[in-house]
Amino acid sequence: MNLHAPGRRVLNLGSGLGGFDYLLHPSVEMVAMDICPSKPNLDVVGDAHRLPFKNGSFDIVYSIAVLEHVAKPWIVADEIFRILKPGGFVVLELPFLNVIHDAHDYFRFTDLGIRSLFDRFVVVFEQVSAGGGSFLSIFSVEYFAQFIPGEVFRKCLKRIFLYFSVVFKFLDVFIDSSPNLRITANSFSFIGQKK
């Protein structure tokens, strides 16, 4: 599978600032879609529950840390299936252990939950994309920040805490090959192919 192949039509679903678009080959036709109209470089503003595209419109749909922000991810999974061409790919990264980080933050996903959500796809690739150290880093900062009075002071100290708590992320290197890594995963990556 070559996701960089020229001529492919790719939907960046929930594109946000497009932070991962540089990974695509320049000749790939990329469509950036987000629900928030104020994001830069958008091609389409719309709701993932009702994708405004014809059946079989895309070769690839990729979505990074988006499905936790939709109210009904099973509907979005069906919509992704609908707009993909036969043999098309869905490329995802989804959080498992993570703090609530948005006003519209509804779900967390285990690796088995992702498989269930995308059960009409053949699993091509799946892995822990960030380990428990990433979660511990974020969690410890958010947890201890609750003890700090005053919003301005809290924001300053959160930055300092984050700087020191980043050491947790590096501990993941020592357990990368652990068969139990998935139990404390911060997030999972998944690639599925439409049957």
N, C-alpha and C. Protein backbone atom coordinates (compact mmCIF):
# COMPACT_ATOMS: atom_id res chain seq x y z
N MET A 1 0.85 -1.18 0.00
CA MET A 1 0.00 0.00 0.00
C MET A 1 0.89 1.24 0.00
N ASN A 2 0.66 2.12 -0.94
CA ASN A 2 1.44 3.35 -1.02
C ASN A 2 0.49 4.53 -0.87
N LEU A 3 0.43 5.08 0.33
CA LEU A 3 -0.47 6.20 0.59
C LEU A 3 0.01 7.49 -0.07
N HIS A 4 1.24 7.50 -0.55
CA HIS A 4 1.79 8.70 -1.17
C HIS A 4 1.64 8.67 -2.69
N ALA A 5 1.02 7.63 -3.25
CA ALA A 5 0.96 7.44 -4.69
C ALA A 5 0.24 8.59 -5.38
N PRO A 6 0.85 9.11 -6.47
CA PRO A 6 0.21 10.19 -7.23
C PRO A 6 -1.14 9.74 -7.78
N GLY A 7 -2.04 10.67 -7.90
CA GLY A 7 -3.35 10.39 -8.46
C GLY A 7 -4.39 9.99 -7.46
N ARG A 8 -3.99 9.77 -6.24
CA ARG A 8 -4.97 9.40 -5.23
C ARG A 8 -5.73 10.63 -4.74
N ARG A 9 -6.99 10.43 -4.43
CA ARG A 9 -7.81 11.50 -3.86
C ARG A 9 -7.98 11.20 -2.37
N VAL A 10 -7.57 12.16 -1.53
CA VAL A 10 -7.50 11.96 -0.09
C VAL A 10 -8.37 12.99 0.63
N LEU A 11 -9.18 12.52 1.59
CA LEU A 11 -9.94 13.43 2.45
C LEU A 11 -9.25 13.50 3.80
N ASN A 12 -8.88 14.70 4.20
CA ASN A 12 -8.38 14.94 5.56
C ASN A 12 -9.60 15.34 6.37
N LEU A 13 -10.17 14.39 7.09
CA LEU A 13 -11.42 14.59 7.83
C LEU A 13 -11.11 15.15 9.21
N GLY A 14 -11.58 16.37 9.46
CA GLY A 14 -11.25 17.06 10.70
C GLY A 14 -9.85 17.63 10.59
N SER A 15 -9.59 18.30 9.50
CA SER A 15 -8.22 18.71 9.14
C SER A 15 -7.60 19.69 10.11
N GLY A 16 -8.42 20.44 10.84
CA GLY A 16 -7.84 21.42 11.77
C GLY A 16 -6.86 22.33 11.06
N LEU A 17 -5.66 22.41 11.58
CA LEU A 17 -4.63 23.27 10.98
C LEU A 17 -3.85 22.55 9.89
N GLY A 18 -4.19 21.30 9.61
CA GLY A 18 -3.50 20.57 8.55
C GLY A 18 -2.08 20.19 8.92
N GLY A 19 -1.84 19.92 10.19
CA GLY A 19 -0.50 19.66 10.69
C GLY A 19 0.19 18.44 10.11
N PHE A 20 -0.57 17.52 9.50
CA PHE A 20 0.04 16.30 8.96
C PHE A 20 0.04 16.29 7.43
N ASP A 21 -0.48 17.33 6.81
CA ASP A 21 -0.60 17.35 5.36
C ASP A 21 0.75 17.28 4.64
N TYR A 22 1.79 17.76 5.27
CA TYR A 22 3.11 17.74 4.66
C TYR A 22 3.60 16.31 4.40
N LEU A 23 2.99 15.33 5.05
CA LEU A 23 3.39 13.93 4.86
C LEU A 23 2.90 13.35 3.54
N LEU A 24 1.94 14.01 2.92
CA LEU A 24 1.40 13.52 1.66
C LEU A 24 2.25 13.98 0.48
N HIS A 25 2.31 13.15 -0.52
CA HIS A 25 3.03 13.49 -1.75
C HIS A 25 2.36 14.71 -2.39
N PRO A 26 3.14 15.65 -2.96
CA PRO A 26 2.55 16.87 -3.52
C PRO A 26 1.53 16.61 -4.64
N SER A 27 1.63 15.47 -5.32
CA SER A 27 0.71 15.21 -6.42
C SER A 27 -0.60 14.54 -5.97
N VAL A 28 -0.73 14.27 -4.68
CA VAL A 28 -1.97 13.71 -4.16
C VAL A 28 -3.01 14.82 -4.12
N GLU A 29 -4.22 14.52 -4.57
CA GLU A 29 -5.31 15.50 -4.49
C GLU A 29 -5.92 15.42 -3.10
N MET A 30 -5.65 16.43 -2.28
CA MET A 30 -6.10 16.43 -0.90
C MET A 30 -7.26 17.40 -0.72
N VAL A 31 -8.29 16.93 -0.03
CA VAL A 31 -9.45 17.76 0.31
C VAL A 31 -9.46 17.90 1.82
N ALA A 32 -9.34 19.13 2.31
CA ALA A 32 -9.34 19.40 3.75
C ALA A 32 -10.75 19.77 4.19
N MET A 33 -11.27 19.03 5.18
CA MET A 33 -12.62 19.28 5.67
C MET A 33 -12.60 19.40 7.20
N ASP A 34 -13.33 20.38 7.70
CA ASP A 34 -13.47 20.56 9.14
C ASP A 34 -14.83 21.18 9.42
N ILE A 35 -15.32 21.01 10.63
CA ILE A 35 -16.60 21.60 11.01
C ILE A 35 -16.46 23.07 11.37
N CYS A 36 -15.24 23.47 11.72
CA CYS A 36 -14.97 24.84 12.15
C CYS A 36 -14.52 25.69 10.96
N PRO A 37 -15.33 26.67 10.55
CA PRO A 37 -15.01 27.46 9.36
C PRO A 37 -13.81 28.39 9.52
N SER A 38 -13.35 28.61 10.73
CA SER A 38 -12.24 29.55 10.93
C SER A 38 -10.87 28.91 10.71
N LYS A 39 -10.82 27.61 10.44
CA LYS A 39 -9.53 26.95 10.20
C LYS A 39 -8.97 27.38 8.85
N PRO A 40 -7.66 27.54 8.76
CA PRO A 40 -7.06 27.95 7.48
C PRO A 40 -7.03 26.80 6.48
N ASN A 41 -6.97 27.14 5.21
CA ASN A 41 -6.76 26.17 4.11
C ASN A 41 -7.83 25.09 4.01
N LEU A 42 -9.06 25.42 4.36
CA LEU A 42 -10.15 24.46 4.25
C LEU A 42 -10.71 24.45 2.84
N ASP A 43 -11.08 23.25 2.38
CA ASP A 43 -11.78 23.12 1.11
C ASP A 43 -13.28 22.98 1.33
N VAL A 44 -13.63 22.30 2.45
CA VAL A 44 -15.04 22.03 2.74
C VAL A 44 -15.29 22.22 4.23
N VAL A 45 -16.37 22.93 4.54
CA VAL A 45 -16.83 23.03 5.92
C VAL A 45 -18.06 22.13 6.02
N GLY A 46 -18.04 21.21 6.97
CA GLY A 46 -19.17 20.30 7.08
C GLY A 46 -19.08 19.42 8.30
N ASP A 47 -20.15 18.66 8.50
CA ASP A 47 -20.30 17.76 9.64
C ASP A 47 -19.95 16.33 9.19
N ALA A 48 -19.08 15.67 9.92
CA ALA A 48 -18.64 14.32 9.57
C ALA A 48 -19.77 13.30 9.63
N HIS A 49 -20.85 13.62 10.35
CA HIS A 49 -22.00 12.71 10.41
C HIS A 49 -22.76 12.66 9.08
N ARG A 50 -22.57 13.69 8.25
CA ARG A 50 -23.23 13.78 6.94
C ARG A 50 -22.21 14.31 5.94
N LEU A 51 -21.31 13.45 5.52
CA LEU A 51 -20.24 13.90 4.61
C LEU A 51 -20.83 14.31 3.26
N PRO A 52 -20.51 15.52 2.80
CA PRO A 52 -21.11 16.05 1.58
C PRO A 52 -20.41 15.58 0.31
N PHE A 53 -20.22 14.25 0.19
CA PHE A 53 -19.54 13.69 -0.97
C PHE A 53 -20.32 12.50 -1.49
N LYS A 54 -20.16 12.23 -2.78
CA LYS A 54 -20.82 11.08 -3.41
C LYS A 54 -20.18 9.78 -2.94
N ASN A 55 -20.92 8.70 -3.06
CA ASN A 55 -20.40 7.37 -2.77
C ASN A 55 -19.14 7.12 -3.59
N GLY A 56 -18.14 6.51 -2.97
CA GLY A 56 -16.92 6.13 -3.69
C GLY A 56 -16.12 7.30 -4.22
N SER A 57 -16.09 8.42 -3.50
CA SER A 57 -15.41 9.63 -3.97
C SER A 57 -13.91 9.65 -3.67
N PHE A 58 -13.45 8.88 -2.69
CA PHE A 58 -12.06 9.00 -2.22
C PHE A 58 -11.34 7.66 -2.20
N ASP A 59 -10.02 7.76 -2.38
CA ASP A 59 -9.15 6.59 -2.26
C ASP A 59 -8.73 6.39 -0.81
N ILE A 60 -8.58 7.49 -0.09
CA ILE A 60 -8.10 7.45 1.30
C ILE A 60 -8.86 8.50 2.12
N VAL A 61 -9.25 8.14 3.32
CA VAL A 61 -9.74 9.10 4.31
C VAL A 61 -8.80 8.99 5.50
N TYR A 62 -8.19 10.10 5.87
CA TYR A 62 -7.40 10.05 7.09
C TYR A 62 -7.92 11.07 8.08
N SER A 63 -7.83 10.68 9.35
CA SER A 63 -8.42 11.48 10.40
C SER A 63 -7.59 11.27 11.67
N ILE A 64 -6.98 12.32 12.15
CA ILE A 64 -6.08 12.24 13.29
C ILE A 64 -6.74 12.92 14.50
N ALA A 65 -7.03 12.12 15.54
CA ALA A 65 -7.60 12.63 16.80
C ALA A 65 -8.86 13.47 16.56
N VAL A 66 -9.80 12.88 15.82
CA VAL A 66 -11.05 13.58 15.51
C VAL A 66 -12.27 12.84 16.05
N LEU A 67 -12.32 11.53 15.92
CA LEU A 67 -13.55 10.79 16.24
C LEU A 67 -13.97 10.89 17.70
N GLU A 68 -13.04 11.23 18.59
CA GLU A 68 -13.46 11.45 19.97
C GLU A 68 -14.31 12.71 20.12
N HIS A 69 -14.29 13.57 19.10
CA HIS A 69 -15.01 14.84 19.14
C HIS A 69 -16.34 14.81 18.40
N VAL A 70 -16.74 13.66 17.90
CA VAL A 70 -18.04 13.56 17.23
C VAL A 70 -19.01 12.82 18.14
N ALA A 71 -20.26 13.24 18.11
CA ALA A 71 -21.26 12.69 19.04
C ALA A 71 -21.62 11.24 18.73
N LYS A 72 -21.53 10.83 17.47
CA LYS A 72 -21.92 9.47 17.07
C LYS A 72 -20.86 8.90 16.11
N PRO A 73 -19.74 8.42 16.64
CA PRO A 73 -18.65 7.97 15.77
C PRO A 73 -19.04 6.79 14.87
N TRP A 74 -20.02 5.98 15.26
CA TRP A 74 -20.45 4.86 14.42
C TRP A 74 -21.09 5.37 13.13
N ILE A 75 -21.76 6.51 13.20
CA ILE A 75 -22.34 7.10 11.98
C ILE A 75 -21.22 7.62 11.08
N VAL A 76 -20.22 8.24 11.68
CA VAL A 76 -19.07 8.75 10.92
C VAL A 76 -18.32 7.58 10.26
N ALA A 77 -18.17 6.47 10.97
CA ALA A 77 -17.52 5.28 10.40
C ALA A 77 -18.29 4.79 9.17
N ASP A 78 -19.62 4.79 9.24
CA ASP A 78 -20.44 4.40 8.09
C ASP A 78 -20.28 5.37 6.94
N GLU A 79 -20.20 6.66 7.25
CA GLU A 79 -20.02 7.67 6.22
C GLU A 79 -18.65 7.52 5.53
N ILE A 80 -17.62 7.23 6.32
CA ILE A 80 -16.29 7.01 5.74
C ILE A 80 -16.34 5.81 4.80
N PHE A 81 -16.99 4.75 5.23
CA PHE A 81 -17.13 3.56 4.38
C PHE A 81 -17.84 3.93 3.07
N ARG A 82 -18.90 4.71 3.17
CA ARG A 82 -19.70 5.08 1.99
C ARG A 82 -18.89 5.86 0.97
N ILE A 83 -18.09 6.84 1.42
CA ILE A 83 -17.40 7.72 0.47
C ILE A 83 -16.09 7.15 -0.06
N LEU A 84 -15.63 6.03 0.52
CA LEU A 84 -14.41 5.39 0.01
C LEU A 84 -14.73 4.53 -1.20
N LYS A 85 -13.79 4.52 -2.15
CA LYS A 85 -13.88 3.61 -3.29
C LYS A 85 -13.63 2.19 -2.80
N PRO A 86 -14.11 1.17 -3.51
CA PRO A 86 -13.76 -0.20 -3.14
C PRO A 86 -12.23 -0.34 -3.13
N GLY A 87 -11.72 -0.93 -2.07
CA GLY A 87 -10.27 -1.06 -1.92
C GLY A 87 -9.62 0.16 -1.30
N GLY A 88 -10.42 1.20 -0.99
CA GLY A 88 -9.89 2.42 -0.38
C GLY A 88 -9.49 2.20 1.07
N PHE A 89 -8.74 3.16 1.61
CA PHE A 89 -8.18 3.02 2.95
C PHE A 89 -8.68 4.11 3.91
N VAL A 90 -8.89 3.71 5.16
CA VAL A 90 -9.11 4.66 6.24
C VAL A 90 -7.86 4.63 7.11
N VAL A 91 -7.34 5.80 7.44
CA VAL A 91 -6.13 5.93 8.24
C VAL A 91 -6.49 6.79 9.44
N LEU A 92 -6.34 6.22 10.65
CA LEU A 92 -6.80 6.89 11.86
C LEU A 92 -5.75 6.89 12.96
N GLU A 93 -5.84 7.90 13.79
CA GLU A 93 -5.21 7.85 15.11
C GLU A 93 -6.28 8.31 16.09
N LEU A 94 -6.49 7.50 17.14
CA LEU A 94 -7.55 7.79 18.11
C LEU A 94 -7.02 7.64 19.52
N PRO A 95 -7.50 8.48 20.44
CA PRO A 95 -7.02 8.41 21.82
C PRO A 95 -7.68 7.29 22.60
N PHE A 96 -6.93 6.75 23.54
CA PHE A 96 -7.48 5.81 24.52
C PHE A 96 -7.40 6.48 25.88
N LEU A 97 -6.24 6.48 26.52
CA LEU A 97 -6.09 7.19 27.79
C LEU A 97 -5.68 8.63 27.49
N ASN A 98 -6.52 9.55 27.86
CA ASN A 98 -6.25 10.95 27.59
C ASN A 98 -7.17 11.79 28.48
N VAL A 99 -6.78 13.02 28.72
CA VAL A 99 -7.63 13.93 29.49
C VAL A 99 -8.68 14.54 28.57
N ILE A 100 -9.75 15.03 29.15
CA ILE A 100 -10.74 15.77 28.37
C ILE A 100 -10.08 17.05 27.90
N HIS A 101 -10.07 17.27 26.59
CA HIS A 101 -9.30 18.39 26.07
C HIS A 101 -10.07 19.31 25.14
N ASP A 102 -11.40 19.26 25.20
CA ASP A 102 -12.20 20.10 24.31
C ASP A 102 -13.63 20.12 24.85
N ALA A 103 -14.38 21.15 24.51
CA ALA A 103 -15.78 21.23 24.93
C ALA A 103 -16.62 20.13 24.28
N HIS A 104 -16.16 19.60 23.13
CA HIS A 104 -16.85 18.51 22.44
C HIS A 104 -15.94 17.29 22.43
N ASP A 105 -15.72 16.72 23.59
CA ASP A 105 -14.84 15.56 23.74
C ASP A 105 -15.70 14.44 24.34
N TYR A 106 -16.12 13.48 23.48
CA TYR A 106 -17.14 12.52 23.88
C TYR A 106 -16.66 11.10 24.16
N PHE A 107 -15.64 10.63 23.43
CA PHE A 107 -15.31 9.21 23.46
C PHE A 107 -13.81 8.96 23.59
N ARG A 108 -13.48 7.73 24.02
CA ARG A 108 -12.14 7.17 23.98
C ARG A 108 -12.26 5.79 23.35
N PHE A 109 -11.17 5.32 22.73
CA PHE A 109 -11.24 4.08 21.95
C PHE A 109 -10.12 3.12 22.32
N THR A 110 -10.49 1.88 22.61
CA THR A 110 -9.50 0.81 22.73
C THR A 110 -9.21 0.32 21.31
N ASP A 111 -8.16 -0.50 21.17
CA ASP A 111 -7.87 -1.06 19.85
C ASP A 111 -9.02 -1.96 19.38
N LEU A 112 -9.61 -2.70 20.31
CA LEU A 112 -10.75 -3.55 19.94
C LEU A 112 -11.98 -2.72 19.60
N GLY A 113 -12.14 -1.59 20.27
CA GLY A 113 -13.24 -0.68 19.96
C GLY A 113 -13.11 -0.11 18.56
N ILE A 114 -11.89 0.20 18.15
CA ILE A 114 -11.65 0.72 16.80
C ILE A 114 -11.99 -0.36 15.78
N ARG A 115 -11.55 -1.59 16.04
CA ARG A 115 -11.88 -2.70 15.13
C ARG A 115 -13.39 -2.88 15.02
N SER A 116 -14.09 -2.76 16.14
CA SER A 116 -15.54 -2.92 16.13
C SER A 116 -16.20 -1.80 15.33
N LEU A 117 -15.73 -0.59 15.52
CA LEU A 117 -16.28 0.57 14.82
C LEU A 117 -16.07 0.46 13.31
N PHE A 118 -14.94 -0.11 12.92
CA PHE A 118 -14.59 -0.23 11.49
C PHE A 118 -14.57 -1.70 11.07
N ASP A 119 -15.58 -2.44 11.52
CA ASP A 119 -15.61 -3.88 11.26
C ASP A 119 -15.89 -4.25 9.81
N ARG A 120 -16.28 -3.30 8.99
CA ARG A 120 -16.48 -3.58 7.57
C ARG A 120 -15.19 -3.40 6.77
N PHE A 121 -14.11 -3.09 7.47
CA PHE A 121 -12.80 -2.92 6.85
C PHE A 121 -11.89 -4.09 7.20
N VAL A 122 -10.98 -4.43 6.30
CA VAL A 122 -9.93 -5.40 6.59
C VAL A 122 -8.82 -4.64 7.31
N VAL A 123 -8.37 -5.16 8.44
CA VAL A 123 -7.29 -4.51 9.18
C VAL A 123 -5.98 -4.69 8.42
N VAL A 124 -5.37 -3.57 8.05
CA VAL A 124 -4.09 -3.57 7.34
C VAL A 124 -2.95 -3.34 8.32
N PHE A 125 -3.20 -2.46 9.30
CA PHE A 125 -2.15 -2.08 10.25
C PHE A 125 -2.82 -1.53 11.50
N GLU A 126 -2.25 -1.88 12.65
CA GLU A 126 -2.69 -1.27 13.90
C GLU A 126 -1.54 -1.34 14.89
N GLN A 127 -1.45 -0.32 15.72
CA GLN A 127 -0.39 -0.30 16.74
C GLN A 127 -0.71 0.75 17.80
N VAL A 128 -0.01 0.65 18.92
CA VAL A 128 -0.04 1.72 19.92
C VAL A 128 0.78 2.86 19.33
N SER A 129 0.18 4.02 19.17
CA SER A 129 0.92 5.14 18.58
C SER A 129 1.56 6.03 19.63
N ALA A 130 1.05 6.00 20.83
CA ALA A 130 1.68 6.72 21.95
C ALA A 130 1.37 5.91 23.22
N GLY A 131 2.39 5.69 24.02
CA GLY A 131 2.25 4.84 25.19
C GLY A 131 1.74 5.58 26.42
N GLY A 132 1.73 4.86 27.51
CA GLY A 132 1.22 5.39 28.77
C GLY A 132 2.00 6.58 29.31
N GLY A 133 3.27 6.69 28.94
CA GLY A 133 4.07 7.84 29.37
C GLY A 133 3.50 9.15 28.87
N SER A 134 2.98 9.13 27.65
CA SER A 134 2.35 10.34 27.11
C SER A 134 1.13 10.72 27.94
N PHE A 135 0.34 9.69 28.31
CA PHE A 135 -0.82 9.95 29.14
C PHE A 135 -0.39 10.47 30.52
N LEU A 136 0.59 9.83 31.14
CA LEU A 136 1.04 10.26 32.47
C LEU A 136 1.52 11.70 32.45
N SER A 137 2.20 12.08 31.41
CA SER A 137 2.70 13.45 31.29
C SER A 137 1.54 14.45 31.30
N ILE A 138 0.57 14.22 30.43
CA ILE A 138 -0.57 15.13 30.33
C ILE A 138 -1.43 15.08 31.59
N PHE A 139 -1.70 13.86 32.07
CA PHE A 139 -2.55 13.69 33.24
C PHE A 139 -1.96 14.35 34.47
N SER A 140 -0.68 14.13 34.71
CA SER A 140 -0.07 14.70 35.93
C SER A 140 -0.13 16.22 35.92
N VAL A 141 0.09 16.82 34.77
CA VAL A 141 0.00 18.28 34.68
C VAL A 141 -1.42 18.75 34.98
N GLU A 142 -2.40 18.13 34.34
CA GLU A 142 -3.79 18.55 34.54
C GLU A 142 -4.26 18.27 35.98
N TYR A 143 -3.82 17.15 36.53
CA TYR A 143 -4.24 16.81 37.89
C TYR A 143 -3.70 17.81 38.90
N PHE A 144 -2.40 18.05 38.88
CA PHE A 144 -1.80 18.94 39.88
C PHE A 144 -2.18 20.40 39.65
N ALA A 145 -2.54 20.76 38.43
CA ALA A 145 -2.97 22.13 38.15
C ALA A 145 -4.26 22.48 38.89
N GLN A 146 -5.05 21.46 39.22
CA GLN A 146 -6.31 21.71 39.92
C GLN A 146 -6.09 22.24 41.34
N PHE A 147 -4.89 22.03 41.88
CA PHE A 147 -4.58 22.50 43.23
C PHE A 147 -4.10 23.96 43.24
N ILE A 148 -3.90 24.53 42.07
CA ILE A 148 -3.32 25.88 41.97
C ILE A 148 -4.44 26.90 41.78
N PRO A 149 -4.57 27.85 42.68
CA PRO A 149 -5.61 28.87 42.53
C PRO A 149 -5.19 29.92 41.50
N GLY A 150 -6.16 30.52 40.86
CA GLY A 150 -5.91 31.61 39.92
C GLY A 150 -5.53 31.11 38.54
N GLU A 151 -6.29 31.54 37.54
CA GLU A 151 -6.12 31.06 36.16
C GLU A 151 -4.76 31.41 35.57
N VAL A 152 -4.29 32.63 35.74
CA VAL A 152 -3.01 33.06 35.16
C VAL A 152 -1.86 32.28 35.79
N PHE A 153 -1.85 32.18 37.10
CA PHE A 153 -0.80 31.45 37.81
C PHE A 153 -0.83 29.96 37.41
N ARG A 154 -2.05 29.41 37.27
CA ARG A 154 -2.22 28.00 36.89
C ARG A 154 -1.63 27.75 35.50
N LYS A 155 -1.90 28.64 34.56
CA LYS A 155 -1.38 28.47 33.20
C LYS A 155 0.15 28.49 33.18
N CYS A 156 0.73 29.39 33.94
CA CYS A 156 2.20 29.48 34.01
C CYS A 156 2.80 28.20 34.59
N LEU A 157 2.23 27.74 35.69
CA LEU A 157 2.76 26.54 36.34
C LEU A 157 2.51 25.29 35.51
N LYS A 158 1.41 25.25 34.75
CA LYS A 158 1.16 24.10 33.87
C LYS A 158 2.27 23.96 32.84
N ARG A 159 2.73 25.08 32.31
CA ARG A 159 3.83 25.03 31.33
C ARG A 159 5.10 24.48 31.97
N ILE A 160 5.36 24.90 33.19
CA ILE A 160 6.56 24.41 33.90
C ILE A 160 6.41 22.92 34.20
N PHE A 161 5.24 22.51 34.71
CA PHE A 161 5.00 21.09 35.00
C PHE A 161 5.16 20.25 33.73
N LEU A 162 4.62 20.73 32.63
CA LEU A 162 4.69 19.98 31.37
C LEU A 162 6.14 19.77 30.95
N TYR A 163 6.95 20.78 31.14
CA TYR A 163 8.38 20.68 30.80
C TYR A 163 9.03 19.54 31.58
N PHE A 164 8.74 19.41 32.86
CA PHE A 164 9.37 18.38 33.68
C PHE A 164 8.69 17.01 33.54
N SER A 165 7.41 17.01 33.24
CA SER A 165 6.70 15.72 33.15
C SER A 165 6.95 15.01 31.82
N VAL A 166 7.56 15.68 30.88
CA VAL A 166 7.83 15.07 29.57
C VAL A 166 8.72 13.83 29.71
N VAL A 167 9.43 13.71 30.81
CA VAL A 167 10.28 12.54 31.06
C VAL A 167 9.47 11.25 31.00
N PHE A 168 8.19 11.28 31.37
CA PHE A 168 7.34 10.09 31.32
C PHE A 168 7.27 9.53 29.90
N LYS A 169 7.21 10.42 28.90
CA LYS A 169 7.11 9.97 27.51
C LYS A 169 8.32 9.13 27.12
N PHE A 170 9.49 9.50 27.62
CA PHE A 170 10.70 8.77 27.26
C PHE A 170 10.77 7.40 27.91
N LEU A 171 10.04 7.18 28.98
CA LEU A 171 10.02 5.87 29.62
C LEU A 171 9.36 4.81 28.72
N ASP A 172 8.49 5.25 27.83
CA ASP A 172 7.83 4.31 26.92
C ASP A 172 8.82 3.52 26.07
N VAL A 173 9.97 4.08 25.80
CA VAL A 173 10.99 3.40 24.99
C VAL A 173 11.36 2.06 25.61
N PHE A 174 11.36 1.97 26.93
CA PHE A 174 11.78 0.75 27.62
C PHE A 174 10.71 -0.35 27.60
N ILE A 175 9.48 0.00 27.22
CA ILE A 175 8.42 -1.01 27.20
C ILE A 175 7.76 -1.14 25.83
N ASP A 176 8.39 -0.59 24.80
CA ASP A 176 7.83 -0.64 23.44
C ASP A 176 7.48 -2.05 22.96
N SER A 177 8.22 -3.03 23.40
CA SER A 177 7.97 -4.40 22.94
C SER A 177 7.11 -5.20 23.91
N SER A 178 6.61 -4.58 24.93
CA SER A 178 5.78 -5.28 25.92
C SER A 178 4.47 -5.73 25.29
N PRO A 179 4.07 -6.98 25.51
CA PRO A 179 2.77 -7.43 24.99
C PRO A 179 1.60 -6.72 25.66
N ASN A 180 1.84 -6.09 26.79
CA ASN A 180 0.78 -5.39 27.51
C ASN A 180 0.76 -3.88 27.25
N LEU A 181 1.53 -3.42 26.26
CA LEU A 181 1.61 -1.99 25.97
C LEU A 181 0.24 -1.38 25.71
N ARG A 182 -0.63 -2.13 25.07
CA ARG A 182 -1.97 -1.63 24.71
C ARG A 182 -2.81 -1.28 25.94
N ILE A 183 -2.54 -1.90 27.07
CA ILE A 183 -3.34 -1.68 28.27
C ILE A 183 -3.21 -0.24 28.77
N THR A 184 -2.04 0.35 28.60
CA THR A 184 -1.82 1.73 29.07
C THR A 184 -1.58 2.69 27.91
N ALA A 185 -2.07 2.36 26.72
CA ALA A 185 -1.83 3.20 25.54
C ALA A 185 -2.50 4.56 25.67
N ASN A 186 -1.80 5.57 25.24
CA ASN A 186 -2.37 6.91 25.13
C ASN A 186 -3.24 7.00 23.88
N SER A 187 -2.77 6.35 22.79
CA SER A 187 -3.52 6.38 21.54
C SER A 187 -3.16 5.19 20.66
N PHE A 188 -4.04 4.92 19.70
CA PHE A 188 -3.85 3.83 18.74
C PHE A 188 -3.90 4.36 17.32
N SER A 189 -3.09 3.75 16.45
CA SER A 189 -3.15 4.01 15.02
C SER A 189 -3.84 2.81 14.36
N PHE A 190 -4.58 3.10 13.28
CA PHE A 190 -5.32 2.04 12.59
C PHE A 190 -5.39 2.37 11.11
N ILE A 191 -5.12 1.37 10.29
CA ILE A 191 -5.36 1.49 8.85
C ILE A 191 -6.23 0.31 8.45
N GLY A 192 -7.34 0.62 7.80
CA GLY A 192 -8.24 -0.41 7.32
C GLY A 192 -8.53 -0.23 5.85
N GLN A 193 -8.81 -1.33 5.15
CA GLN A 193 -9.11 -1.27 3.73
C GLN A 193 -10.56 -1.70 3.51
N LYS A 194 -11.26 -0.92 2.69
CA LYS A 194 -12.66 -1.22 2.40
C LYS A 194 -12.72 -2.52 1.60
N LYS A 195 -13.56 -3.46 2.06
CA LYS A 195 -13.69 -4.76 1.40
C LYS A 195 -14.31 -4.59 0.03
